[in-house]
Structures are given as C-alpha cells and as structure tokens.
Amino acid sequence: MIRIENLDFGYSDQKILNIPELEVGESQHLMILGKSGSGKTTLLHIIGGLLNPRSGKVVFGDLDLYGLNANKLDRFRGQNIGLIFQKSHLISALTVEGNLSLTQYLSGIPKDRARIKEVLSDLGLAEKLNSKVRRLSQGEQQRVTIARALLNRPKVILADEPTASLDDDNASKVIKLLKNQANKYNATLVIATHDQRVKDEFDVQLDLNQL
C-alpha cells in the first residue's frame, strides 16, 4: 500500500532522514521507533503528505503522493489518510459533532451524521455527540481525535505518539483500539513512538536509530 523510495529529508546541509526503501502492505501494522529527534514525526508527516521530502518518492498503490498538486494532495489526504497528532487540534468551542462535521466538509465529503454517530459509538462516545470539546476529559478528547481520523474510512491511519501522556493501562487500551479499528477498515496502521511499553504490540518495526 505504501512504498518509500530513496527518501531524503533535511534542512540545508543537515540530513535528518535517509530511507533507501520501505514498504508497508495493505492492512499491515508498522511501528516507527526512535529516540527524540530521530525523525519519527518527520517521517510520519512525509507519509501523510504534510512535509515535502528533499528527494525520493512516497507511493500509495500506483500514486506518487508528491506528484500531486497542492489541491489534489489535500483532497487525497482528507479522503484516504487518517491523522492522529500528538496534540488534538480540536476546536474547543465546537461540539464533538461540530468538529467531525468540519472534517467531512474540509475533505469535500457531504455531511453524514449517521457516520459520525457510528464512529463515536464504536469508540464509546455516543453520548458525547453534542458535548463541547472543552468539557471532555483528556482521554475523551483523545478518542475524539481518533474518531476524526477514522471518520472518512481511511486506507491509512497515521498516529504520532498516541500513548505518550498515558498510564500503562490506558496506553495498552489505545494501541489495541487503533489496531482493532484499522482491522475493521482493512487500513494500514503506522504509529510513531518512543514508548517502549507498546513495542511488543507490533510485529513489524522500523527503528530510526539503526538507520
């Protein structure tokens, strides 16, 4: 599903990432490991179409992601890639439904209230549909960000440090939740983390410290 070829990224003469080849299959789960500053978030953003590499390709199926113009790239990302950032980036003044409706709008997808209710129900948030985001707990807000990432039935789910601020029990629950949801949609799941607690949850791993 995702193929990286001769990827190089850096600023001026500083090289941050150099990945000759990487392939992640459809429905496969990949964990990107590495210490702080190793380029985990950078790689995730490049795969997600948010950060142009200096050279190389990121290919989805037969589509060269960075061969698209800005408008087509935005549309492709909104309809095919679910992004879970370290920070929620939710609009606190809006309700949960309002935030998810905005995601559909920005992706060029008609509002689908039934789909919003479905994904919230899957994540145990059905009763929070009309709640303002600022009134939710940290854990509930995190699940809303996961709901937002899953809303458009993405083919790829990218999660950046999803367990960084969680205790052991909740860290395990979030990883299992992401894997279960990825399996439900036959989506490729890529998680970037330095959290060694969840390392054993993934059979396929890329350690940037070893490149």
N, C-alpha and C. Protein backbone atom coordinates (compact mmCIF):
# COMPACT_ATOMS: atom_id res chain seq x y z
N MET A 1 0.82 -1.20 0.00
CA MET A 1 0.00 0.00 0.00
C MET A 1 0.86 1.26 0.00
N ILE A 2 1.85 1.32 0.90
CA ILE A 2 2.75 2.48 0.95
C ILE A 2 4.16 2.02 0.59
N ARG A 3 4.78 2.74 -0.32
CA ARG A 3 6.16 2.42 -0.70
C ARG A 3 7.00 3.69 -0.69
N ILE A 4 8.12 3.64 -0.02
CA ILE A 4 9.06 4.76 0.02
C ILE A 4 10.30 4.38 -0.77
N GLU A 5 10.75 5.29 -1.63
CA GLU A 5 11.92 5.03 -2.46
C GLU A 5 12.91 6.18 -2.33
N ASN A 6 14.11 5.88 -1.89
CA ASN A 6 15.22 6.84 -1.86
C ASN A 6 14.83 8.16 -1.19
N LEU A 7 14.18 8.05 -0.05
CA LEU A 7 13.69 9.23 0.65
C LEU A 7 14.82 9.95 1.38
N ASP A 8 14.89 11.25 1.17
CA ASP A 8 15.90 12.07 1.83
C ASP A 8 15.24 13.35 2.30
N PHE A 9 15.48 13.70 3.56
CA PHE A 9 14.89 14.92 4.10
C PHE A 9 15.90 15.58 5.03
N GLY A 10 15.96 16.91 4.95
CA GLY A 10 16.84 17.66 5.84
C GLY A 10 16.73 19.15 5.55
N TYR A 11 17.38 19.93 6.36
CA TYR A 11 17.41 21.38 6.19
C TYR A 11 18.84 21.79 5.87
N SER A 12 19.03 22.52 4.74
CA SER A 12 20.36 22.92 4.29
C SER A 12 21.24 21.68 4.17
N ASP A 13 22.35 21.65 4.90
CA ASP A 13 23.26 20.51 4.83
C ASP A 13 22.97 19.47 5.91
N GLN A 14 21.98 19.74 6.74
CA GLN A 14 21.66 18.82 7.83
C GLN A 14 20.73 17.72 7.33
N LYS A 15 21.17 16.50 7.41
CA LYS A 15 20.35 15.37 6.97
C LYS A 15 19.64 14.77 8.18
N ILE A 16 18.31 14.73 8.12
CA ILE A 16 17.51 14.19 9.22
C ILE A 16 17.09 12.76 8.92
N LEU A 17 16.71 12.52 7.68
CA LEU A 17 16.22 11.19 7.30
C LEU A 17 16.82 10.75 5.98
N ASN A 18 17.17 9.50 5.90
CA ASN A 18 17.56 8.89 4.64
C ASN A 18 17.10 7.44 4.67
N ILE A 19 16.07 7.15 3.89
CA ILE A 19 15.49 5.81 3.86
C ILE A 19 15.51 5.32 2.41
N PRO A 20 16.41 4.41 2.08
CA PRO A 20 16.51 3.93 0.70
C PRO A 20 15.23 3.24 0.22
N GLU A 21 14.64 2.44 1.12
CA GLU A 21 13.45 1.69 0.70
C GLU A 21 12.65 1.25 1.92
N LEU A 22 11.34 1.40 1.83
CA LEU A 22 10.43 0.93 2.88
C LEU A 22 9.08 0.63 2.24
N GLU A 23 8.51 -0.51 2.57
CA GLU A 23 7.20 -0.87 2.04
C GLU A 23 6.32 -1.38 3.18
N VAL A 24 5.11 -0.85 3.24
CA VAL A 24 4.12 -1.26 4.23
C VAL A 24 2.89 -1.73 3.47
N GLY A 25 2.52 -2.98 3.66
CA GLY A 25 1.44 -3.56 2.90
C GLY A 25 0.06 -3.14 3.38
N GLU A 26 -0.93 -3.40 2.55
CA GLU A 26 -2.32 -3.14 2.90
C GLU A 26 -2.70 -3.93 4.14
N SER A 27 -3.33 -3.26 5.10
CA SER A 27 -3.79 -3.85 6.36
C SER A 27 -2.63 -4.19 7.31
N GLN A 28 -1.42 -3.82 6.96
CA GLN A 28 -0.27 -4.11 7.82
C GLN A 28 -0.14 -3.05 8.90
N HIS A 29 0.43 -3.45 10.05
CA HIS A 29 0.66 -2.53 11.16
C HIS A 29 2.17 -2.32 11.32
N LEU A 30 2.60 -1.06 11.29
CA LEU A 30 4.03 -0.74 11.42
C LEU A 30 4.25 0.22 12.58
N MET A 31 5.25 -0.07 13.39
CA MET A 31 5.66 0.84 14.45
C MET A 31 7.00 1.45 14.08
N ILE A 32 7.06 2.78 14.09
CA ILE A 32 8.30 3.51 13.86
C ILE A 32 8.86 3.91 15.21
N LEU A 33 10.02 3.38 15.55
CA LEU A 33 10.66 3.65 16.83
C LEU A 33 11.84 4.61 16.65
N GLY A 34 12.24 5.23 17.75
CA GLY A 34 13.40 6.11 17.71
C GLY A 34 13.37 7.10 18.85
N LYS A 35 14.54 7.52 19.28
CA LYS A 35 14.61 8.49 20.35
C LYS A 35 14.16 9.85 19.85
N SER A 36 13.98 10.78 20.77
CA SER A 36 13.57 12.13 20.42
C SER A 36 14.58 12.74 19.44
N GLY A 37 14.06 13.33 18.37
CA GLY A 37 14.92 13.94 17.38
C GLY A 37 15.41 13.01 16.28
N SER A 38 14.96 11.76 16.32
CA SER A 38 15.42 10.78 15.32
C SER A 38 14.69 10.92 13.98
N GLY A 39 13.58 11.66 13.97
CA GLY A 39 12.85 11.88 12.73
C GLY A 39 11.54 11.14 12.61
N LYS A 40 11.04 10.60 13.72
CA LYS A 40 9.79 9.83 13.68
C LYS A 40 8.62 10.68 13.17
N THR A 41 8.43 11.83 13.81
CA THR A 41 7.32 12.70 13.41
C THR A 41 7.52 13.22 11.99
N THR A 42 8.76 13.53 11.65
CA THR A 42 9.06 13.99 10.29
C THR A 42 8.65 12.94 9.27
N LEU A 43 9.02 11.69 9.51
CA LEU A 43 8.66 10.62 8.57
C LEU A 43 7.16 10.46 8.49
N LEU A 44 6.48 10.52 9.62
CA LEU A 44 5.02 10.38 9.62
C LEU A 44 4.38 11.50 8.80
N HIS A 45 4.89 12.72 8.95
CA HIS A 45 4.34 13.86 8.21
C HIS A 45 4.63 13.75 6.72
N ILE A 46 5.77 13.18 6.36
CA ILE A 46 6.07 12.97 4.94
C ILE A 46 5.12 11.93 4.35
N ILE A 47 4.91 10.83 5.08
CA ILE A 47 3.97 9.79 4.61
C ILE A 47 2.56 10.37 4.48
N GLY A 48 2.21 11.28 5.39
CA GLY A 48 0.88 11.87 5.37
C GLY A 48 0.70 13.03 4.41
N GLY A 49 1.73 13.36 3.65
CA GLY A 49 1.60 14.43 2.67
C GLY A 49 1.65 15.82 3.26
N LEU A 50 2.22 15.95 4.45
CA LEU A 50 2.28 17.25 5.12
C LEU A 50 3.64 17.93 4.99
N LEU A 51 4.64 17.17 4.57
CA LEU A 51 6.00 17.70 4.56
C LEU A 51 6.73 17.13 3.34
N ASN A 52 7.14 18.01 2.43
CA ASN A 52 7.81 17.56 1.21
C ASN A 52 9.21 17.02 1.50
N PRO A 53 9.53 15.84 1.00
CA PRO A 53 10.91 15.36 1.13
C PRO A 53 11.83 16.15 0.20
N ARG A 54 13.12 16.14 0.51
CA ARG A 54 14.08 16.81 -0.36
C ARG A 54 14.22 16.05 -1.67
N SER A 55 14.14 14.74 -1.57
CA SER A 55 14.16 13.89 -2.76
C SER A 55 13.53 12.56 -2.42
N GLY A 56 13.20 11.78 -3.45
CA GLY A 56 12.59 10.48 -3.24
C GLY A 56 11.10 10.49 -3.46
N LYS A 57 10.49 9.33 -3.29
CA LYS A 57 9.07 9.16 -3.56
C LYS A 57 8.34 8.53 -2.38
N VAL A 58 7.08 8.93 -2.23
CA VAL A 58 6.14 8.23 -1.35
C VAL A 58 4.97 7.81 -2.25
N VAL A 59 4.80 6.51 -2.41
CA VAL A 59 3.82 5.98 -3.37
C VAL A 59 2.72 5.24 -2.63
N PHE A 60 1.47 5.61 -2.92
CA PHE A 60 0.29 4.91 -2.39
C PHE A 60 -0.29 4.10 -3.55
N GLY A 61 -0.14 2.78 -3.49
CA GLY A 61 -0.57 1.98 -4.63
C GLY A 61 0.29 2.33 -5.82
N ASP A 62 -0.32 2.94 -6.85
CA ASP A 62 0.43 3.41 -8.02
C ASP A 62 0.52 4.93 -8.05
N LEU A 63 0.09 5.59 -6.99
CA LEU A 63 0.02 7.06 -6.97
C LEU A 63 1.24 7.65 -6.26
N ASP A 64 1.99 8.48 -6.97
CA ASP A 64 3.11 9.22 -6.39
C ASP A 64 2.53 10.42 -5.64
N LEU A 65 2.58 10.35 -4.31
CA LEU A 65 1.91 11.36 -3.48
C LEU A 65 2.38 12.77 -3.80
N TYR A 66 3.68 12.95 -3.95
CA TYR A 66 4.21 14.28 -4.17
C TYR A 66 4.27 14.66 -5.64
N GLY A 67 3.65 13.84 -6.49
CA GLY A 67 3.41 14.22 -7.87
C GLY A 67 2.10 14.97 -8.03
N LEU A 68 1.31 15.03 -6.95
CA LEU A 68 0.04 15.74 -6.98
C LEU A 68 0.25 17.22 -6.71
N ASN A 69 -0.61 18.07 -7.29
CA ASN A 69 -0.55 19.49 -6.93
C ASN A 69 -1.17 19.67 -5.54
N ALA A 70 -1.05 20.86 -4.98
CA ALA A 70 -1.45 21.09 -3.59
C ALA A 70 -2.92 20.77 -3.35
N ASN A 71 -3.80 21.18 -4.26
CA ASN A 71 -5.23 20.95 -4.07
C ASN A 71 -5.57 19.46 -4.13
N LYS A 72 -5.00 18.76 -5.09
CA LYS A 72 -5.26 17.32 -5.21
C LYS A 72 -4.67 16.55 -4.03
N LEU A 73 -3.51 17.02 -3.54
CA LEU A 73 -2.89 16.38 -2.38
C LEU A 73 -3.76 16.55 -1.15
N ASP A 74 -4.29 17.75 -0.94
CA ASP A 74 -5.18 18.00 0.21
C ASP A 74 -6.41 17.10 0.13
N ARG A 75 -6.98 16.98 -1.05
CA ARG A 75 -8.19 16.17 -1.22
C ARG A 75 -7.87 14.69 -1.00
N PHE A 76 -6.77 14.23 -1.56
CA PHE A 76 -6.38 12.82 -1.39
C PHE A 76 -6.15 12.51 0.09
N ARG A 77 -5.44 13.39 0.77
CA ARG A 77 -5.15 13.17 2.19
C ARG A 77 -6.45 13.13 3.00
N GLY A 78 -7.34 14.05 2.75
CA GLY A 78 -8.59 14.11 3.50
C GLY A 78 -9.45 12.88 3.32
N GLN A 79 -9.38 12.27 2.15
CA GLN A 79 -10.25 11.14 1.84
C GLN A 79 -9.61 9.78 2.07
N ASN A 80 -8.28 9.74 2.22
CA ASN A 80 -7.60 8.45 2.29
C ASN A 80 -6.69 8.25 3.49
N ILE A 81 -6.32 9.34 4.19
CA ILE A 81 -5.36 9.25 5.28
C ILE A 81 -5.97 9.80 6.56
N GLY A 82 -5.96 9.01 7.61
CA GLY A 82 -6.42 9.47 8.92
C GLY A 82 -5.22 9.82 9.78
N LEU A 83 -5.17 11.07 10.24
CA LEU A 83 -4.02 11.57 11.00
C LEU A 83 -4.37 11.77 12.47
N ILE A 84 -3.55 11.23 13.35
CA ILE A 84 -3.72 11.44 14.80
C ILE A 84 -2.44 12.09 15.30
N PHE A 85 -2.54 13.37 15.64
CA PHE A 85 -1.37 14.14 16.05
C PHE A 85 -1.13 14.01 17.55
N GLN A 86 0.06 14.45 17.99
CA GLN A 86 0.36 14.45 19.42
C GLN A 86 -0.61 15.35 20.17
N LYS A 87 -0.94 16.51 19.59
CA LYS A 87 -1.93 17.41 20.17
C LYS A 87 -3.23 17.24 19.40
N SER A 88 -4.34 17.42 20.09
CA SER A 88 -5.63 17.09 19.48
C SER A 88 -6.02 18.01 18.33
N HIS A 89 -5.67 19.29 18.40
CA HIS A 89 -6.06 20.27 17.38
C HIS A 89 -7.57 20.30 17.16
N LEU A 90 -8.32 20.00 18.21
CA LEU A 90 -9.77 20.13 18.14
C LEU A 90 -10.16 21.58 18.42
N ILE A 91 -11.31 21.98 17.91
CA ILE A 91 -11.81 23.33 18.17
C ILE A 91 -12.67 23.27 19.43
N SER A 92 -12.13 23.81 20.52
CA SER A 92 -12.75 23.61 21.83
C SER A 92 -14.13 24.22 21.95
N ALA A 93 -14.42 25.27 21.19
CA ALA A 93 -15.73 25.92 21.30
C ALA A 93 -16.83 25.15 20.59
N LEU A 94 -16.45 24.22 19.71
CA LEU A 94 -17.44 23.43 18.98
C LEU A 94 -17.80 22.16 19.74
N THR A 95 -18.93 21.60 19.38
CA THR A 95 -19.30 20.30 19.92
C THR A 95 -18.47 19.21 19.24
N VAL A 96 -18.57 18.00 19.76
CA VAL A 96 -17.91 16.86 19.12
C VAL A 96 -18.43 16.69 17.70
N GLU A 97 -19.75 16.77 17.54
CA GLU A 97 -20.32 16.65 16.20
C GLU A 97 -19.82 17.76 15.29
N GLY A 98 -19.72 18.97 15.81
CA GLY A 98 -19.23 20.09 15.01
C GLY A 98 -17.83 19.87 14.50
N ASN A 99 -16.96 19.35 15.35
CA ASN A 99 -15.59 19.05 14.93
C ASN A 99 -15.56 17.99 13.84
N LEU A 100 -16.36 16.96 13.99
CA LEU A 100 -16.35 15.88 13.00
C LEU A 100 -17.03 16.31 11.69
N SER A 101 -18.05 17.12 11.79
CA SER A 101 -18.69 17.66 10.58
C SER A 101 -17.71 18.52 9.80
N LEU A 102 -16.90 19.28 10.51
CA LEU A 102 -15.89 20.11 9.86
C LEU A 102 -14.88 19.26 9.10
N THR A 103 -14.51 18.12 9.67
CA THR A 103 -13.60 17.21 8.99
C THR A 103 -14.19 16.73 7.67
N GLN A 104 -15.47 16.38 7.68
CA GLN A 104 -16.12 15.95 6.43
C GLN A 104 -16.14 17.09 5.42
N TYR A 105 -16.45 18.29 5.89
CA TYR A 105 -16.53 19.45 4.99
C TYR A 105 -15.18 19.74 4.34
N LEU A 106 -14.12 19.75 5.15
CA LEU A 106 -12.79 20.08 4.62
C LEU A 106 -12.27 19.00 3.68
N SER A 107 -12.81 17.78 3.79
CA SER A 107 -12.41 16.69 2.91
C SER A 107 -13.24 16.66 1.63
N GLY A 108 -14.19 17.58 1.51
CA GLY A 108 -15.06 17.60 0.34
C GLY A 108 -16.10 16.50 0.34
N ILE A 109 -16.43 16.03 1.55
CA ILE A 109 -17.40 14.95 1.69
C ILE A 109 -18.68 15.52 2.31
N PRO A 110 -19.86 15.22 1.75
CA PRO A 110 -21.11 15.71 2.34
C PRO A 110 -21.26 15.28 3.78
N LYS A 111 -21.90 16.12 4.58
CA LYS A 111 -22.08 15.78 5.98
C LYS A 111 -22.90 14.49 6.10
N ASP A 112 -22.40 13.59 6.92
CA ASP A 112 -23.05 12.29 7.12
C ASP A 112 -23.17 12.09 8.63
N ARG A 113 -24.31 12.51 9.18
CA ARG A 113 -24.50 12.45 10.63
C ARG A 113 -24.55 11.00 11.11
N ALA A 114 -25.09 10.12 10.30
CA ALA A 114 -25.15 8.70 10.68
C ALA A 114 -23.74 8.13 10.84
N ARG A 115 -22.85 8.54 9.95
CA ARG A 115 -21.46 8.05 10.03
C ARG A 115 -20.78 8.60 11.28
N ILE A 116 -21.04 9.86 11.60
CA ILE A 116 -20.48 10.47 12.81
C ILE A 116 -20.94 9.69 14.04
N LYS A 117 -22.22 9.38 14.10
CA LYS A 117 -22.75 8.63 15.24
C LYS A 117 -22.15 7.23 15.31
N GLU A 118 -21.96 6.62 14.15
CA GLU A 118 -21.42 5.27 14.09
C GLU A 118 -20.01 5.20 14.67
N VAL A 119 -19.15 6.12 14.23
CA VAL A 119 -17.76 6.07 14.68
C VAL A 119 -17.65 6.45 16.15
N LEU A 120 -18.47 7.38 16.62
CA LEU A 120 -18.47 7.72 18.04
C LEU A 120 -18.94 6.54 18.89
N SER A 121 -19.94 5.83 18.40
CA SER A 121 -20.43 4.66 19.12
C SER A 121 -19.34 3.59 19.22
N ASP A 122 -18.59 3.38 18.14
CA ASP A 122 -17.50 2.40 18.13
C ASP A 122 -16.46 2.72 19.20
N LEU A 123 -16.28 4.02 19.48
CA LEU A 123 -15.25 4.46 20.42
C LEU A 123 -15.81 4.77 21.80
N GLY A 124 -17.07 4.39 22.05
CA GLY A 124 -17.66 4.60 23.36
C GLY A 124 -17.97 6.05 23.67
N LEU A 125 -18.28 6.83 22.63
CA LEU A 125 -18.53 8.27 22.81
C LEU A 125 -19.90 8.70 22.30
N ALA A 126 -20.80 7.75 22.14
CA ALA A 126 -22.11 8.06 21.55
C ALA A 126 -22.83 9.17 22.30
N GLU A 127 -22.70 9.16 23.64
CA GLU A 127 -23.43 10.14 24.45
C GLU A 127 -22.76 11.52 24.44
N LYS A 128 -21.58 11.63 23.80
CA LYS A 128 -20.84 12.89 23.77
C LYS A 128 -21.06 13.68 22.48
N LEU A 129 -21.97 13.24 21.64
CA LEU A 129 -22.20 13.86 20.34
C LEU A 129 -22.36 15.37 20.44
N ASN A 130 -23.17 15.84 21.39
CA ASN A 130 -23.48 17.27 21.50
C ASN A 130 -22.67 17.98 22.58
N SER A 131 -21.67 17.30 23.13
CA SER A 131 -20.84 17.91 24.18
C SER A 131 -19.80 18.84 23.57
N LYS A 132 -19.54 19.95 24.25
CA LYS A 132 -18.45 20.82 23.83
C LYS A 132 -17.12 20.12 24.14
N VAL A 133 -16.18 20.23 23.23
CA VAL A 133 -14.89 19.55 23.40
C VAL A 133 -14.21 19.98 24.69
N ARG A 134 -14.32 21.25 25.04
CA ARG A 134 -13.63 21.74 26.24
C ARG A 134 -14.15 21.11 27.52
N ARG A 135 -15.31 20.48 27.47
CA ARG A 135 -15.88 19.84 28.65
C ARG A 135 -15.52 18.35 28.74
N LEU A 136 -14.76 17.86 27.78
CA LEU A 136 -14.38 16.44 27.79
C LEU A 136 -13.10 16.24 28.58
N SER A 137 -12.92 15.03 29.10
CA SER A 137 -11.67 14.67 29.74
C SER A 137 -10.59 14.51 28.68
N GLN A 138 -9.34 14.44 29.13
CA GLN A 138 -8.23 14.27 28.19
C GLN A 138 -8.38 12.98 27.39
N GLY A 139 -8.77 11.91 28.07
CA GLY A 139 -8.96 10.64 27.39
C GLY A 139 -10.07 10.69 26.36
N GLU A 140 -11.16 11.39 26.69
CA GLU A 140 -12.28 11.53 25.75
C GLU A 140 -11.86 12.36 24.54
N GLN A 141 -11.10 13.42 24.79
CA GLN A 141 -10.62 14.23 23.67
C GLN A 141 -9.73 13.42 22.75
N GLN A 142 -8.92 12.57 23.35
CA GLN A 142 -8.05 11.73 22.53
C GLN A 142 -8.87 10.79 21.65
N ARG A 143 -9.95 10.22 22.22
CA ARG A 143 -10.80 9.34 21.42
C ARG A 143 -11.54 10.11 20.32
N VAL A 144 -11.84 11.38 20.56
CA VAL A 144 -12.44 12.20 19.50
C VAL A 144 -11.45 12.40 18.35
N THR A 145 -10.17 12.59 18.68
CA THR A 145 -9.17 12.73 17.61
C THR A 145 -9.05 11.43 16.82
N ILE A 146 -9.21 10.29 17.50
CA ILE A 146 -9.20 9.01 16.79
C ILE A 146 -10.44 8.89 15.91
N ALA A 147 -11.59 9.31 16.45
CA ALA A 147 -12.83 9.31 15.66
C ALA A 147 -12.67 10.16 14.41
N ARG A 148 -12.06 11.31 14.57
CA ARG A 148 -11.85 12.21 13.41
C ARG A 148 -10.97 11.52 12.36
N ALA A 149 -9.94 10.83 12.82
CA ALA A 149 -9.04 10.15 11.89
C ALA A 149 -9.73 9.01 11.15
N LEU A 150 -10.70 8.37 11.80
CA LEU A 150 -11.38 7.20 11.21
C LEU A 150 -12.61 7.57 10.41
N LEU A 151 -13.05 8.81 10.51
CA LEU A 151 -14.37 9.21 10.03
C LEU A 151 -14.59 8.90 8.55
N ASN A 152 -13.59 9.17 7.73
CA ASN A 152 -13.76 9.01 6.28
C ASN A 152 -13.31 7.64 5.78
N ARG A 153 -13.26 6.67 6.70
CA ARG A 153 -12.84 5.30 6.36
C ARG A 153 -11.51 5.30 5.62
N PRO A 154 -10.47 5.81 6.26
CA PRO A 154 -9.18 5.97 5.56
C PRO A 154 -8.54 4.63 5.22
N LYS A 155 -7.72 4.66 4.19
CA LYS A 155 -6.95 3.47 3.81
C LYS A 155 -5.66 3.39 4.63
N VAL A 156 -5.25 4.53 5.20
CA VAL A 156 -4.03 4.60 6.01
C VAL A 156 -4.32 5.41 7.26
N ILE A 157 -3.91 4.90 8.42
CA ILE A 157 -4.04 5.61 9.69
C ILE A 157 -2.63 5.88 10.21
N LEU A 158 -2.33 7.16 10.47
CA LEU A 158 -1.02 7.56 10.98
C LEU A 158 -1.20 8.17 12.36
N ALA A 159 -0.49 7.64 13.35
CA ALA A 159 -0.63 8.13 14.73
C ALA A 159 0.74 8.51 15.28
N ASP A 160 0.83 9.74 15.78
CA ASP A 160 2.09 10.27 16.30
C ASP A 160 2.07 10.27 17.83
N GLU A 161 2.87 9.41 18.44
CA GLU A 161 2.99 9.32 19.89
C GLU A 161 1.62 9.25 20.60
N PRO A 162 0.76 8.32 20.20
CA PRO A 162 -0.59 8.28 20.78
C PRO A 162 -0.65 7.88 22.24
N THR A 163 0.45 7.33 22.79
CA THR A 163 0.43 6.87 24.18
C THR A 163 1.35 7.69 25.09
N ALA A 164 1.92 8.75 24.57
CA ALA A 164 2.98 9.47 25.29
C ALA A 164 2.57 9.96 26.67
N SER A 165 1.32 10.41 26.81
CA SER A 165 0.89 11.00 28.08
C SER A 165 -0.03 10.09 28.87
N LEU A 166 -0.04 8.80 28.54
CA LEU A 166 -0.98 7.88 29.17
C LEU A 166 -0.29 6.93 30.14
N ASP A 167 -1.05 6.48 31.14
CA ASP A 167 -0.51 5.47 32.05
C ASP A 167 -0.50 4.11 31.33
N ASP A 168 0.07 3.11 31.98
CA ASP A 168 0.27 1.81 31.33
C ASP A 168 -1.03 1.21 30.82
N ASP A 169 -2.06 1.24 31.65
CA ASP A 169 -3.33 0.61 31.30
C ASP A 169 -3.95 1.29 30.08
N ASN A 170 -4.01 2.63 30.11
CA ASN A 170 -4.64 3.35 29.00
C ASN A 170 -3.78 3.31 27.74
N ALA A 171 -2.46 3.24 27.90
CA ALA A 171 -1.59 3.13 26.73
C ALA A 171 -1.89 1.84 25.97
N SER A 172 -2.03 0.74 26.71
CA SER A 172 -2.35 -0.53 26.08
C SER A 172 -3.72 -0.50 25.41
N LYS A 173 -4.69 0.13 26.07
CA LYS A 173 -6.05 0.21 25.52
C LYS A 173 -6.07 1.00 24.21
N VAL A 174 -5.33 2.11 24.15
CA VAL A 174 -5.32 2.94 22.95
C VAL A 174 -4.69 2.18 21.78
N ILE A 175 -3.58 1.48 22.02
CA ILE A 175 -2.95 0.72 20.95
C ILE A 175 -3.88 -0.37 20.43
N LYS A 176 -4.53 -1.09 21.34
CA LYS A 176 -5.47 -2.14 20.92
C LYS A 176 -6.64 -1.54 20.15
N LEU A 177 -7.11 -0.35 20.60
CA LEU A 177 -8.21 0.33 19.93
C LEU A 177 -7.81 0.70 18.50
N LEU A 178 -6.63 1.26 18.32
CA LEU A 178 -6.17 1.64 16.99
C LEU A 178 -6.03 0.41 16.08
N LYS A 179 -5.47 -0.65 16.62
CA LYS A 179 -5.30 -1.87 15.82
C LYS A 179 -6.65 -2.46 15.44
N ASN A 180 -7.58 -2.49 16.37
CA ASN A 180 -8.91 -3.04 16.08
C ASN A 180 -9.63 -2.22 15.02
N GLN A 181 -9.52 -0.88 15.13
CA GLN A 181 -10.20 -0.02 14.16
C GLN A 181 -9.53 -0.14 12.78
N ALA A 182 -8.21 -0.24 12.75
CA ALA A 182 -7.52 -0.44 11.48
C ALA A 182 -7.96 -1.74 10.83
N ASN A 183 -8.07 -2.79 11.63
CA ASN A 183 -8.52 -4.08 11.11
C ASN A 183 -9.95 -3.99 10.58
N LYS A 184 -10.78 -3.24 11.25
CA LYS A 184 -12.18 -3.10 10.83
C LYS A 184 -12.28 -2.51 9.42
N TYR A 185 -11.40 -1.55 9.12
CA TYR A 185 -11.45 -0.86 7.82
C TYR A 185 -10.41 -1.37 6.84
N ASN A 186 -9.71 -2.47 7.21
CA ASN A 186 -8.64 -3.00 6.36
C ASN A 186 -7.62 -1.92 6.02
N ALA A 187 -7.33 -1.09 7.00
CA ALA A 187 -6.44 0.05 6.80
C ALA A 187 -5.02 -0.29 7.25
N THR A 188 -4.06 0.34 6.61
CA THR A 188 -2.67 0.28 7.04
C THR A 188 -2.50 1.20 8.24
N LEU A 189 -1.89 0.71 9.31
CA LEU A 189 -1.69 1.50 10.53
C LEU A 189 -0.19 1.72 10.73
N VAL A 190 0.19 2.99 10.87
CA VAL A 190 1.58 3.35 11.15
C VAL A 190 1.62 4.22 12.40
N ILE A 191 2.34 3.78 13.41
CA ILE A 191 2.46 4.52 14.66
C ILE A 191 3.91 4.92 14.88
N ALA A 192 4.15 6.18 15.18
CA ALA A 192 5.48 6.65 15.56
C ALA A 192 5.52 6.84 17.07
N THR A 193 6.51 6.24 17.71
CA THR A 193 6.56 6.33 19.17
C THR A 193 7.97 6.06 19.69
N HIS A 194 8.24 6.57 20.88
CA HIS A 194 9.45 6.17 21.60
C HIS A 194 9.06 5.35 22.84
N ASP A 195 7.77 5.02 22.93
CA ASP A 195 7.21 4.34 24.10
C ASP A 195 7.51 2.84 24.04
N GLN A 196 8.48 2.41 24.81
CA GLN A 196 8.88 1.01 24.80
C GLN A 196 7.82 0.08 25.39
N ARG A 197 6.85 0.64 26.11
CA ARG A 197 5.80 -0.19 26.72
C ARG A 197 4.96 -0.90 25.68
N VAL A 198 4.82 -0.31 24.50
CA VAL A 198 3.92 -0.87 23.49
C VAL A 198 4.69 -1.53 22.35
N LYS A 199 5.99 -1.69 22.53
CA LYS A 199 6.83 -2.22 21.46
C LYS A 199 6.39 -3.62 21.04
N ASP A 200 6.00 -4.45 21.99
CA ASP A 200 5.64 -5.84 21.69
C ASP A 200 4.29 -5.98 21.00
N GLU A 201 3.57 -4.88 20.86
CA GLU A 201 2.25 -4.93 20.21
C GLU A 201 2.37 -5.01 18.68
N PHE A 202 3.58 -4.78 18.13
CA PHE A 202 3.75 -4.72 16.69
C PHE A 202 4.84 -5.69 16.24
N ASP A 203 4.50 -6.52 15.26
CA ASP A 203 5.48 -7.46 14.72
C ASP A 203 6.43 -6.78 13.73
N VAL A 204 5.93 -5.75 13.03
CA VAL A 204 6.74 -5.05 12.03
C VAL A 204 7.17 -3.71 12.60
N GLN A 205 8.48 -3.50 12.67
CA GLN A 205 9.01 -2.29 13.28
C GLN A 205 10.13 -1.71 12.45
N LEU A 206 10.23 -0.37 12.51
CA LEU A 206 11.34 0.35 11.89
C LEU A 206 11.98 1.21 12.98
N ASP A 207 13.23 0.94 13.29
CA ASP A 207 13.94 1.69 14.32
C ASP A 207 14.87 2.69 13.63
N LEU A 208 14.51 3.97 13.72
CA LEU A 208 15.28 5.01 13.04
C LEU A 208 16.67 5.18 13.65
N ASN A 209 16.85 4.73 14.88
CA ASN A 209 18.17 4.82 15.50
C ASN A 209 19.17 3.89 14.84
N GLN A 210 18.67 2.91 14.11
CA GLN A 210 19.54 1.91 13.49
C GLN A 210 19.82 2.18 12.02
N LEU A 211 19.26 3.27 11.50
CA LEU A 211 19.49 3.59 10.08
C LEU A 211 20.83 4.29 9.91
